[in-house]
Full PDB file with SEQRES, HELIX, SHEET, SSBOND, CRYST1, ORIGX, SCALE, CONECT and MASTER records, all heavy atoms in Angstrom:
SEQRES   1 A   38  ARG PHE ALA ILE SER ARG ASP ASN ALA LYS ASN THR VAL          
SEQRES   2 A   38  TYR LEU GLN MET ASN SER LEU LYS PRO GLU ASP THR ALA          
SEQRES   3 A   38  VAL TYR TYR CYS ASN THR TRP PRO PRO SER THR ALA              
HELIX    1 AA1 ASN A    8  LYS A   10  5                                   3    
HELIX    2 AA2 PRO A   22  ASP A   24  5                                   3    
SHEET    1 AA1 2 PHE A   2  ASP A   7  0                                        
SHEET    2 AA1 2 THR A  12  MET A  17 -1                                        
CRYST1    1.000    1.000    1.000  90.00  90.00  90.00 P 1           1          
ORIGX1      1.000000  0.000000  0.000000        0.00000                         
ORIGX2      0.000000  1.000000  0.000000        0.00000                         
ORIGX3      0.000000  0.000000  1.000000        0.00000                         
SCALE1      1.000000  0.000000  0.000000        0.00000                         
SCALE2      0.000000  1.000000  0.000000        0.00000                         
SCALE3      0.000000  0.000000  1.000000        0.00000                         
ATOM      1  N   ARG A   1       0.860  -1.258  -0.022  1.00  0.00           N  
ATOM      2  CA  ARG A   1       0.048   0.003   0.000  1.00  0.00           C  
ATOM      3  C   ARG A   1       0.871   1.232  -0.019  1.00  0.00           C  
ATOM      4  O   ARG A   1       0.441   2.265  -0.549  1.00  0.00           O  
ATOM      5  CB  ARG A   1      -0.903   0.050   1.212  1.00  0.00           C  
ATOM      6  CG  ARG A   1      -1.837  -1.129   1.257  1.00  0.00           C  
ATOM      7  CD  ARG A   1      -2.906  -0.963   2.472  1.00  0.00           C  
ATOM      8  NE  ARG A   1      -2.239  -0.884   3.723  1.00  0.00           N  
ATOM      9  CZ  ARG A   1      -2.347   0.111   4.611  1.00  0.00           C  
ATOM     10  NH1 ARG A   1      -3.031   1.148   4.247  1.00  0.00           N  
ATOM     11  NH2 ARG A   1      -1.744   0.112   5.789  1.00  0.00           N  
ATOM     12  N   PHE A   2       2.011   1.204   0.618  1.00  0.00           N  
ATOM     13  CA  PHE A   2       2.870   2.369   0.742  1.00  0.00           C  
ATOM     14  C   PHE A   2       4.108   2.155  -0.164  1.00  0.00           C  
ATOM     15  O   PHE A   2       4.569   1.096  -0.261  1.00  0.00           O  
ATOM     16  CB  PHE A   2       3.332   2.537   2.190  1.00  0.00           C  
ATOM     17  CG  PHE A   2       2.305   3.069   3.137  1.00  0.00           C  
ATOM     18  CD1 PHE A   2       0.958   3.092   2.833  1.00  0.00           C  
ATOM     19  CD2 PHE A   2       2.625   3.526   4.442  1.00  0.00           C  
ATOM     20  CE1 PHE A   2       0.001   3.455   3.764  1.00  0.00           C  
ATOM     21  CE2 PHE A   2       1.729   3.853   5.343  1.00  0.00           C  
ATOM     22  CZ  PHE A   2       0.352   3.877   5.019  1.00  0.00           C  
ATOM     23  N   ALA A   3       4.608   3.275  -0.631  1.00  0.00           N  
ATOM     24  CA  ALA A   3       5.872   3.218  -1.411  1.00  0.00           C  
ATOM     25  C   ALA A   3       6.783   4.364  -0.994  1.00  0.00           C  
ATOM     26  O   ALA A   3       6.402   5.554  -1.035  1.00  0.00           O  
ATOM     27  CB  ALA A   3       5.555   3.327  -2.898  1.00  0.00           C  
ATOM     28  N   ILE A   4       8.008   4.002  -0.647  1.00  0.00           N  
ATOM     29  CA  ILE A   4       9.001   4.999  -0.224  1.00  0.00           C  
ATOM     30  C   ILE A   4       9.876   5.259  -1.383  1.00  0.00           C  
ATOM     31  O   ILE A   4      10.266   4.310  -2.106  1.00  0.00           O  
ATOM     32  CB  ILE A   4       9.748   4.567   1.017  1.00  0.00           C  
ATOM     33  CG1 ILE A   4      10.615   5.715   1.539  1.00  0.00           C  
ATOM     34  CG2 ILE A   4      10.577   3.323   0.726  1.00  0.00           C  
ATOM     35  CD1 ILE A   4      11.156   5.403   2.958  1.00  0.00           C  
ATOM     36  N   SER A   5      10.285   6.505  -1.587  1.00  0.00           N  
ATOM     37  CA  SER A   5      11.224   6.837  -2.693  1.00  0.00           C  
ATOM     38  C   SER A   5      12.061   8.039  -2.254  1.00  0.00           C  
ATOM     39  O   SER A   5      11.710   8.692  -1.223  1.00  0.00           O  
ATOM     40  CB  SER A   5      10.470   7.135  -4.008  1.00  0.00           C  
ATOM     41  OG  SER A   5       9.599   8.274  -3.798  1.00  0.00           O  
ATOM     42  N   ARG A   6      13.049   8.319  -3.034  1.00  0.00           N  
ATOM     43  CA  ARG A   6      13.867   9.515  -2.681  1.00  0.00           C  
ATOM     44  C   ARG A   6      14.377  10.193  -3.939  1.00  0.00           C  
ATOM     45  O   ARG A   6      14.552   9.592  -5.026  1.00  0.00           O  
ATOM     46  CB  ARG A   6      15.082   9.150  -1.817  1.00  0.00           C  
ATOM     47  CG  ARG A   6      16.085   8.197  -2.502  1.00  0.00           C  
ATOM     48  CD  ARG A   6      17.040   7.616  -1.448  1.00  0.00           C  
ATOM     49  NE  ARG A   6      17.649   8.602  -0.624  1.00  0.00           N  
ATOM     50  CZ  ARG A   6      18.287   8.382   0.614  1.00  0.00           C  
ATOM     51  NH1 ARG A   6      18.292   7.154   1.067  1.00  0.00           N  
ATOM     52  NH2 ARG A   6      18.796   9.357   1.284  1.00  0.00           N  
ATOM     53  N   ASP A   7      14.514  11.525  -3.863  1.00  0.00           N  
ATOM     54  CA  ASP A   7      15.011  12.342  -4.935  1.00  0.00           C  
ATOM     55  C   ASP A   7      16.235  13.012  -4.362  1.00  0.00           C  
ATOM     56  O   ASP A   7      16.181  14.054  -3.673  1.00  0.00           O  
ATOM     57  CB  ASP A   7      13.970  13.369  -5.401  1.00  0.00           C  
ATOM     58  CG  ASP A   7      14.383  14.171  -6.602  1.00  0.00           C  
ATOM     59  OD1 ASP A   7      15.617  14.258  -6.819  1.00  0.00           O  
ATOM     60  OD2 ASP A   7      13.522  14.761  -7.243  1.00  0.00           O  
ATOM     61  N   ASN A   8      17.431  12.467  -4.640  1.00  0.00           N  
ATOM     62  CA  ASN A   8      18.613  13.001  -4.040  1.00  0.00           C  
ATOM     63  C   ASN A   8      18.972  14.381  -4.521  1.00  0.00           C  
ATOM     64  O   ASN A   8      19.571  15.200  -3.785  1.00  0.00           O  
ATOM     65  CB  ASN A   8      19.817  12.021  -4.270  1.00  0.00           C  
ATOM     66  CG  ASN A   8      19.638  10.745  -3.438  1.00  0.00           C  
ATOM     67  OD1 ASN A   8      18.906  10.732  -2.407  1.00  0.00           O  
ATOM     68  ND2 ASN A   8      20.389   9.726  -3.835  1.00  0.00           N  
ATOM     69  N   ALA A   9      18.495  14.774  -5.770  1.00  0.00           N  
ATOM     70  CA  ALA A   9      18.818  16.080  -6.268  1.00  0.00           C  
ATOM     71  C   ALA A   9      18.028  17.132  -5.406  1.00  0.00           C  
ATOM     72  O   ALA A   9      18.446  18.304  -5.315  1.00  0.00           O  
ATOM     73  CB  ALA A   9      18.287  16.156  -7.710  1.00  0.00           C  
ATOM     74  N   LYS A  10      16.956  16.732  -4.745  1.00  0.00           N  
ATOM     75  CA  LYS A  10      16.139  17.647  -3.920  1.00  0.00           C  
ATOM     76  C   LYS A  10      16.297  17.380  -2.491  1.00  0.00           C  
ATOM     77  O   LYS A  10      15.628  17.953  -1.634  1.00  0.00           O  
ATOM     78  CB  LYS A  10      14.667  17.493  -4.283  1.00  0.00           C  
ATOM     79  CG  LYS A  10      14.341  17.901  -5.713  1.00  0.00           C  
ATOM     80  CD  LYS A  10      12.857  17.774  -6.038  1.00  0.00           C  
ATOM     81  CE  LYS A  10      12.527  18.280  -7.476  1.00  0.00           C  
ATOM     82  NZ  LYS A  10      11.099  18.095  -7.764  1.00  0.00           N  
ATOM     83  N   ASN A  11      17.184  16.463  -2.096  1.00  0.00           N  
ATOM     84  CA  ASN A  11      17.438  16.075  -0.687  1.00  0.00           C  
ATOM     85  C   ASN A  11      16.073  15.737  -0.049  1.00  0.00           C  
ATOM     86  O   ASN A  11      15.820  16.067   1.095  1.00  0.00           O  
ATOM     87  CB  ASN A  11      18.078  17.256   0.114  1.00  0.00           C  
ATOM     88  CG  ASN A  11      19.428  17.543  -0.473  1.00  0.00           C  
ATOM     89  OD1 ASN A  11      20.045  16.784  -1.124  1.00  0.00           O  
ATOM     90  ND2 ASN A  11      19.892  18.788  -0.138  1.00  0.00           N  
ATOM     91  N   THR A  12      15.254  15.007  -0.722  1.00  0.00           N  
ATOM     92  CA  THR A  12      13.893  14.719  -0.210  1.00  0.00           C  
ATOM     93  C   THR A  12      13.539  13.227  -0.334  1.00  0.00           C  
ATOM     94  O   THR A  12      13.893  12.533  -1.348  1.00  0.00           O  
ATOM     95  CB  THR A  12      12.886  15.544  -1.061  1.00  0.00           C  
ATOM     96  OG1 THR A  12      13.139  16.960  -0.850  1.00  0.00           O  
ATOM     97  CG2 THR A  12      11.482  15.314  -0.509  1.00  0.00           C  
ATOM     98  N   VAL A  13      12.857  12.728   0.684  1.00  0.00           N  
ATOM     99  CA  VAL A  13      12.389  11.387   0.708  1.00  0.00           C  
ATOM    100  C   VAL A  13      10.868  11.414   0.775  1.00  0.00           C  
ATOM    101  O   VAL A  13      10.321  12.249   1.557  1.00  0.00           O  
ATOM    102  CB  VAL A  13      12.917  10.573   1.888  1.00  0.00           C  
ATOM    103  CG1 VAL A  13      12.249   9.167   1.986  1.00  0.00           C  
ATOM    104  CG2 VAL A  13      14.472  10.449   1.713  1.00  0.00           C  
ATOM    105  N   TYR A  14      10.163  10.655  -0.031  1.00  0.00           N  
ATOM    106  CA  TYR A  14       8.774  10.630  -0.089  1.00  0.00           C  
ATOM    107  C   TYR A  14       8.141   9.346   0.435  1.00  0.00           C  
ATOM    108  O   TYR A  14       8.773   8.313   0.444  1.00  0.00           O  
ATOM    109  CB  TYR A  14       8.255  10.838  -1.512  1.00  0.00           C  
ATOM    110  CG  TYR A  14       8.787  12.041  -2.226  1.00  0.00           C  
ATOM    111  CD1 TYR A  14       9.912  11.946  -3.022  1.00  0.00           C  
ATOM    112  CD2 TYR A  14       8.223  13.270  -1.988  1.00  0.00           C  
ATOM    113  CE1 TYR A  14      10.437  13.095  -3.725  1.00  0.00           C  
ATOM    114  CE2 TYR A  14       8.710  14.404  -2.622  1.00  0.00           C  
ATOM    115  CZ  TYR A  14       9.851  14.303  -3.448  1.00  0.00           C  
ATOM    116  OH  TYR A  14      10.315  15.442  -4.064  1.00  0.00           O  
ATOM    117  N   LEU A  15       6.871   9.412   0.906  1.00  0.00           N  
ATOM    118  CA  LEU A  15       6.123   8.180   1.294  1.00  0.00           C  
ATOM    119  C   LEU A  15       4.769   8.332   0.608  1.00  0.00           C  
ATOM    120  O   LEU A  15       3.967   9.195   1.005  1.00  0.00           O  
ATOM    121  CB  LEU A  15       5.988   8.093   2.749  1.00  0.00           C  
ATOM    122  CG  LEU A  15       5.346   6.764   3.222  1.00  0.00           C  
ATOM    123  CD1 LEU A  15       6.233   5.592   2.918  1.00  0.00           C  
ATOM    124  CD2 LEU A  15       5.008   6.841   4.784  1.00  0.00           C  
ATOM    125  N   GLN A  16       4.599   7.550  -0.447  1.00  0.00           N  
ATOM    126  CA  GLN A  16       3.279   7.549  -1.086  1.00  0.00           C  
ATOM    127  C   GLN A  16       2.397   6.510  -0.382  1.00  0.00           C  
ATOM    128  O   GLN A  16       2.814   5.308  -0.256  1.00  0.00           O  
ATOM    129  CB  GLN A  16       3.455   7.158  -2.555  1.00  0.00           C  
ATOM    130  CG  GLN A  16       2.141   7.019  -3.328  1.00  0.00           C  
ATOM    131  CD  GLN A  16       1.412   8.374  -3.503  1.00  0.00           C  
ATOM    132  OE1 GLN A  16       2.006   9.377  -3.787  1.00  0.00           O  
ATOM    133  NE2 GLN A  16       0.117   8.340  -3.286  1.00  0.00           N  
ATOM    134  N   MET A  17       1.245   6.978   0.107  1.00  0.00           N  
ATOM    135  CA  MET A  17       0.409   6.126   0.883  1.00  0.00           C  
ATOM    136  C   MET A  17      -0.941   5.972   0.201  1.00  0.00           C  
ATOM    137  O   MET A  17      -1.617   6.963  -0.079  1.00  0.00           O  
ATOM    138  CB  MET A  17       0.192   6.681   2.304  1.00  0.00           C  
ATOM    139  CG  MET A  17       1.466   7.068   3.016  1.00  0.00           C  
ATOM    140  SD  MET A  17       1.153   7.597   4.729  1.00  0.00           S  
ATOM    141  CE  MET A  17       0.261   9.083   4.478  1.00  0.00           C  
ATOM    142  N   ASN A  18      -1.284   4.724  -0.208  1.00  0.00           N  
ATOM    143  CA  ASN A  18      -2.437   4.387  -0.953  1.00  0.00           C  
ATOM    144  C   ASN A  18      -3.315   3.505  -0.112  1.00  0.00           C  
ATOM    145  O   ASN A  18      -2.877   2.820   0.870  1.00  0.00           O  
ATOM    146  CB  ASN A  18      -2.116   3.749  -2.226  1.00  0.00           C  
ATOM    147  CG  ASN A  18      -1.303   4.637  -3.150  1.00  0.00           C  
ATOM    148  OD1 ASN A  18      -1.497   5.913  -3.185  1.00  0.00           O  
ATOM    149  ND2 ASN A  18      -0.421   4.073  -3.946  1.00  0.00           N  
ATOM    150  N   SER A  19      -4.586   3.389  -0.447  1.00  0.00           N  
ATOM    151  CA  SER A  19      -5.548   2.467   0.233  1.00  0.00           C  
ATOM    152  C   SER A  19      -5.457   2.694   1.717  1.00  0.00           C  
ATOM    153  O   SER A  19      -5.356   1.693   2.454  1.00  0.00           O  
ATOM    154  CB  SER A  19      -5.213   1.023  -0.131  1.00  0.00           C  
ATOM    155  OG  SER A  19      -5.324   0.846  -1.521  1.00  0.00           O  
ATOM    156  N   LEU A  20      -5.537   3.948   2.155  1.00  0.00           N  
ATOM    157  CA  LEU A  20      -5.352   4.261   3.607  1.00  0.00           C  
ATOM    158  C   LEU A  20      -6.522   3.672   4.400  1.00  0.00           C  
ATOM    159  O   LEU A  20      -7.632   3.605   3.927  1.00  0.00           O  
ATOM    160  CB  LEU A  20      -5.272   5.742   3.733  1.00  0.00           C  
ATOM    161  CG  LEU A  20      -3.847   6.291   3.403  1.00  0.00           C  
ATOM    162  CD1 LEU A  20      -3.925   7.752   3.171  1.00  0.00           C  
ATOM    163  CD2 LEU A  20      -2.804   6.012   4.500  1.00  0.00           C  
ATOM    164  N   LYS A  21      -6.143   3.251   5.576  1.00  0.00           N  
ATOM    165  CA  LYS A  21      -7.044   2.669   6.538  1.00  0.00           C  
ATOM    166  C   LYS A  21      -7.127   3.550   7.834  1.00  0.00           C  
ATOM    167  O   LYS A  21      -6.110   4.230   8.146  1.00  0.00           O  
ATOM    168  CB  LYS A  21      -6.586   1.284   6.927  1.00  0.00           C  
ATOM    169  CG  LYS A  21      -6.445   0.339   5.702  1.00  0.00           C  
ATOM    170  CD  LYS A  21      -5.868  -1.051   6.182  1.00  0.00           C  
ATOM    171  CE  LYS A  21      -5.643  -1.968   5.039  1.00  0.00           C  
ATOM    172  NZ  LYS A  21      -5.124  -3.320   5.442  1.00  0.00           N  
ATOM    173  N   PRO A  22      -8.195   3.431   8.538  1.00  0.00           N  
ATOM    174  CA  PRO A  22      -8.212   4.130   9.846  1.00  0.00           C  
ATOM    175  C   PRO A  22      -7.079   3.866  10.719  1.00  0.00           C  
ATOM    176  O   PRO A  22      -6.571   4.774  11.490  1.00  0.00           O  
ATOM    177  CB  PRO A  22      -9.575   3.730  10.428  1.00  0.00           C  
ATOM    178  CG  PRO A  22     -10.419   3.332   9.276  1.00  0.00           C  
ATOM    179  CD  PRO A  22      -9.449   2.769   8.250  1.00  0.00           C  
ATOM    180  N   GLU A  23      -6.556   2.632  10.707  1.00  0.00           N  
ATOM    181  CA  GLU A  23      -5.444   2.269  11.530  1.00  0.00           C  
ATOM    182  C   GLU A  23      -4.083   2.872  11.150  1.00  0.00           C  
ATOM    183  O   GLU A  23      -3.091   2.746  11.830  1.00  0.00           O  
ATOM    184  CB  GLU A  23      -5.325   0.748  11.687  1.00  0.00           C  
ATOM    185  CG  GLU A  23      -5.304  -0.016  10.318  1.00  0.00           C  
ATOM    186  CD  GLU A  23      -6.639  -0.487   9.992  1.00  0.00           C  
ATOM    187  OE1 GLU A  23      -7.649   0.184  10.130  1.00  0.00           O  
ATOM    188  OE2 GLU A  23      -6.665  -1.686   9.492  1.00  0.00           O  
ATOM    189  N   ASP A  24      -4.115   3.540  10.004  1.00  0.00           N  
ATOM    190  CA  ASP A  24      -2.863   4.336   9.596  1.00  0.00           C  
ATOM    191  C   ASP A  24      -2.878   5.740  10.233  1.00  0.00           C  
ATOM    192  O   ASP A  24      -1.804   6.393   9.986  1.00  0.00           O  
ATOM    193  CB  ASP A  24      -2.909   4.462   8.046  1.00  0.00           C  
ATOM    194  CG  ASP A  24      -2.807   3.134   7.282  1.00  0.00           C  
ATOM    195  OD1 ASP A  24      -1.965   2.300   7.671  1.00  0.00           O  
ATOM    196  OD2 ASP A  24      -3.486   2.953   6.246  1.00  0.00           O  
ATOM    197  N   THR A  25      -3.848   6.071  10.898  1.00  0.00           N  
ATOM    198  CA  THR A  25      -3.920   7.325  11.575  1.00  0.00           C  
ATOM    199  C   THR A  25      -2.797   7.454  12.592  1.00  0.00           C  
ATOM    200  O   THR A  25      -2.570   6.561  13.457  1.00  0.00           O  
ATOM    201  CB  THR A  25      -5.244   7.570  12.283  1.00  0.00           C  
ATOM    202  OG1 THR A  25      -6.288   7.635  11.273  1.00  0.00           O  
ATOM    203  CG2 THR A  25      -5.175   8.878  13.062  1.00  0.00           C  
ATOM    204  N   ALA A  26      -1.923   8.427  12.478  1.00  0.00           N  
ATOM    205  CA  ALA A  26      -0.753   8.635  13.282  1.00  0.00           C  
ATOM    206  C   ALA A  26      -0.029   9.891  12.921  1.00  0.00           C  
ATOM    207  O   ALA A  26      -0.338  10.521  11.938  1.00  0.00           O  
ATOM    208  CB  ALA A  26       0.190   7.426  13.145  1.00  0.00           C  
ATOM    209  N   VAL A  27       0.969  10.295  13.743  1.00  0.00           N  
ATOM    210  CA  VAL A  27       1.896  11.329  13.352  1.00  0.00           C  
ATOM    211  C   VAL A  27       3.032  10.558  12.658  1.00  0.00           C  
ATOM    212  O   VAL A  27       3.590   9.685  13.226  1.00  0.00           O  
ATOM    213  CB  VAL A  27       2.402  12.114  14.554  1.00  0.00           C  
ATOM    214  CG1 VAL A  27       3.414  13.162  14.092  1.00  0.00           C  
ATOM    215  CG2 VAL A  27       1.238  12.739  15.329  1.00  0.00           C  
ATOM    216  N   TYR A  28       3.390  11.063  11.471  1.00  0.00           N  
ATOM    217  CA  TYR A  28       4.459  10.392  10.679  1.00  0.00           C  
ATOM    218  C   TYR A  28       5.725  11.270  10.784  1.00  0.00           C  
ATOM    219  O   TYR A  28       5.684  12.527  10.621  1.00  0.00           O  
ATOM    220  CB  TYR A  28       4.012  10.272   9.225  1.00  0.00           C  
ATOM    221  CG  TYR A  28       3.014   9.114   9.086  1.00  0.00           C  
ATOM    222  CD1 TYR A  28       1.692   9.161   9.549  1.00  0.00           C  
ATOM    223  CD2 TYR A  28       3.402   7.899   8.449  1.00  0.00           C  
ATOM    224  CE1 TYR A  28       0.782   8.179   9.443  1.00  0.00           C  
ATOM    225  CE2 TYR A  28       2.518   6.870   8.303  1.00  0.00           C  
ATOM    226  CZ  TYR A  28       1.258   6.942   8.826  1.00  0.00           C  
ATOM    227  OH  TYR A  28       0.375   5.926   8.581  1.00  0.00           O  
ATOM    228  N   TYR A  29       6.832  10.621  10.959  1.00  0.00           N  
ATOM    229  CA  TYR A  29       8.173  11.256  11.071  1.00  0.00           C  
ATOM    230  C   TYR A  29       9.147  10.581  10.105  1.00  0.00           C  
ATOM    231  O   TYR A  29       8.990   9.393   9.813  1.00  0.00           O  
ATOM    232  CB  TYR A  29       8.667  11.105  12.489  1.00  0.00           C  
ATOM    233  CG  TYR A  29       7.816  11.523  13.646  1.00  0.00           C  
ATOM    234  CD1 TYR A  29       6.822  10.695  14.196  1.00  0.00           C  
ATOM    235  CD2 TYR A  29       8.065  12.808  14.220  1.00  0.00           C  
ATOM    236  CE1 TYR A  29       6.079  11.117  15.273  1.00  0.00           C  
ATOM    237  CE2 TYR A  29       7.296  13.189  15.273  1.00  0.00           C  
ATOM    238  CZ  TYR A  29       6.351  12.374  15.816  1.00  0.00           C  
ATOM    239  OH  TYR A  29       5.552  12.789  16.862  1.00  0.00           O  
ATOM    240  N   CYS A  30      10.082  11.361   9.723  1.00  0.00           N  
ATOM    241  CA  CYS A  30      11.213  10.798   9.020  1.00  0.00           C  
ATOM    242  C   CYS A  30      12.485  10.901   9.863  1.00  0.00           C  
ATOM    243  O   CYS A  30      12.570  11.803  10.779  1.00  0.00           O  
ATOM    244  CB  CYS A  30      11.421  11.367   7.648  1.00  0.00           C  
ATOM    245  SG  CYS A  30      11.790  13.123   7.612  1.00  0.00           S  
ATOM    246  N   ASN A  31      13.390  10.081   9.663  1.00  0.00           N  
ATOM    247  CA  ASN A  31      14.673  10.045  10.435  1.00  0.00           C  
ATOM    248  C   ASN A  31      15.591   9.106   9.677  1.00  0.00           C  
ATOM    249  O   ASN A  31      15.163   8.398   8.758  1.00  0.00           O  
ATOM    250  CB  ASN A  31      14.393   9.580  11.814  1.00  0.00           C  
ATOM    251  CG  ASN A  31      15.535   9.989  12.803  1.00  0.00           C  
ATOM    252  OD1 ASN A  31      16.666  10.069  12.513  1.00  0.00           O  
ATOM    253  ND2 ASN A  31      15.147  10.309  14.036  1.00  0.00           N  
ATOM    254  N   THR A  32      16.842   9.102  10.117  1.00  0.00           N  
ATOM    255  CA  THR A  32      17.751   8.124   9.603  1.00  0.00           C  
ATOM    256  C   THR A  32      17.297   6.736  10.127  1.00  0.00           C  
ATOM    257  O   THR A  32      16.438   6.632  11.069  1.00  0.00           O  
ATOM    258  CB  THR A  32      19.112   8.385   9.984  1.00  0.00           C  
ATOM    259  OG1 THR A  32      19.225   8.461  11.471  1.00  0.00           O  
ATOM    260  CG2 THR A  32      19.639   9.733   9.442  1.00  0.00           C  
ATOM    261  N   TRP A  33      17.863   5.669   9.567  1.00  0.00           N  
ATOM    262  CA  TRP A  33      17.733   4.333  10.072  1.00  0.00           C  
ATOM    263  C   TRP A  33      19.042   3.684  10.296  1.00  0.00           C  
ATOM    264  O   TRP A  33      19.779   3.601   9.360  1.00  0.00           O  
ATOM    265  CB  TRP A  33      16.867   3.428   9.130  1.00  0.00           C  
ATOM    266  CG  TRP A  33      16.604   2.071   9.761  1.00  0.00           C  
ATOM    267  CD1 TRP A  33      15.620   1.783  10.588  1.00  0.00           C  
ATOM    268  CD2 TRP A  33      17.393   0.937   9.589  1.00  0.00           C  
ATOM    269  NE1 TRP A  33      15.679   0.439  10.984  1.00  0.00           N  
ATOM    270  CE2 TRP A  33      16.770  -0.060  10.397  1.00  0.00           C  
ATOM    271  CE3 TRP A  33      18.560   0.663   8.896  1.00  0.00           C  
ATOM    272  CZ2 TRP A  33      17.339  -1.360  10.456  1.00  0.00           C  
ATOM    273  CZ3 TRP A  33      19.084  -0.626   8.951  1.00  0.00           C  
ATOM    274  CH2 TRP A  33      18.450  -1.601   9.721  1.00  0.00           C  
ATOM    275  N   PRO A  34      19.375   3.298  11.467  1.00  0.00           N  
ATOM    276  CA  PRO A  34      18.552   3.479  12.742  1.00  0.00           C  
ATOM    277  C   PRO A  34      18.408   4.960  13.040  1.00  0.00           C  
ATOM    278  O   PRO A  34      19.123   5.792  12.585  1.00  0.00           O  
ATOM    279  CB  PRO A  34      19.481   2.858  13.819  1.00  0.00           C  
ATOM    280  CG  PRO A  34      20.511   2.008  13.125  1.00  0.00           C  
ATOM    281  CD  PRO A  34      20.665   2.656  11.751  1.00  0.00           C  
ATOM    282  N   PRO A  35      17.388   5.258  13.804  1.00  0.00           N  
ATOM    283  CA  PRO A  35      17.023   6.709  14.057  1.00  0.00           C  
ATOM    284  C   PRO A  35      18.065   7.380  14.992  1.00  0.00           C  
ATOM    285  O   PRO A  35      18.606   6.664  15.866  1.00  0.00           O  
ATOM    286  CB  PRO A  35      15.639   6.597  14.699  1.00  0.00           C  
ATOM    287  CG  PRO A  35      15.605   5.259  15.389  1.00  0.00           C  
ATOM    288  CD  PRO A  35      16.364   4.343  14.422  1.00  0.00           C  
ATOM    289  N   SER A  36      18.203   8.643  14.828  1.00  0.00           N  
ATOM    290  CA  SER A  36      19.043   9.433  15.718  1.00  0.00           C  
ATOM    291  C   SER A  36      18.129  10.470  16.442  1.00  0.00           C  
ATOM    292  O   SER A  36      17.275  11.067  15.894  1.00  0.00           O  
ATOM    293  CB  SER A  36      19.998  10.244  14.829  1.00  0.00           C  
ATOM    294  OG  SER A  36      20.670  11.233  15.679  1.00  0.00           O  
ATOM    295  N   THR A  37      18.377  10.528  17.740  1.00  0.00           N  
ATOM    296  CA  THR A  37      17.630  11.465  18.527  1.00  0.00           C  
ATOM    297  C   THR A  37      17.724  12.873  18.112  1.00  0.00           C  
ATOM    298  O   THR A  37      16.888  13.702  18.345  1.00  0.00           O  
ATOM    299  CB  THR A  37      17.995  11.339  20.099  1.00  0.00           C  
ATOM    300  OG1 THR A  37      19.371  11.679  20.174  1.00  0.00           O  
ATOM    301  CG2 THR A  37      17.673  10.033  20.646  1.00  0.00           C  
ATOM    302  N   ALA A  38      18.830  13.121  17.345  1.00  0.00           N  
ATOM    303  CA  ALA A  38      19.055  14.554  16.907  1.00  0.00           C  
ATOM    304  C   ALA A  38      18.185  14.927  15.817  1.00  0.00           C  
ATOM    305  O   ALA A  38      18.013  16.168  15.481  1.00  0.00           O  
ATOM    306  CB  ALA A  38      20.540  14.690  16.543  1.00  0.00           C  
TER     307      ALA A  38                                                      
MASTER        0    0    0    2    2    0    0    6  306    1    0    3          
END                                                                             
């Protein structure tokens, strides 16, 4: 349902979310993986 992609020329990462469900309700964050508190 979801697709992650990146455009390095724009320093941007995207998350395309399709067929959304009520259980997808949340605050969404990006971070490195593993995540950094910074």
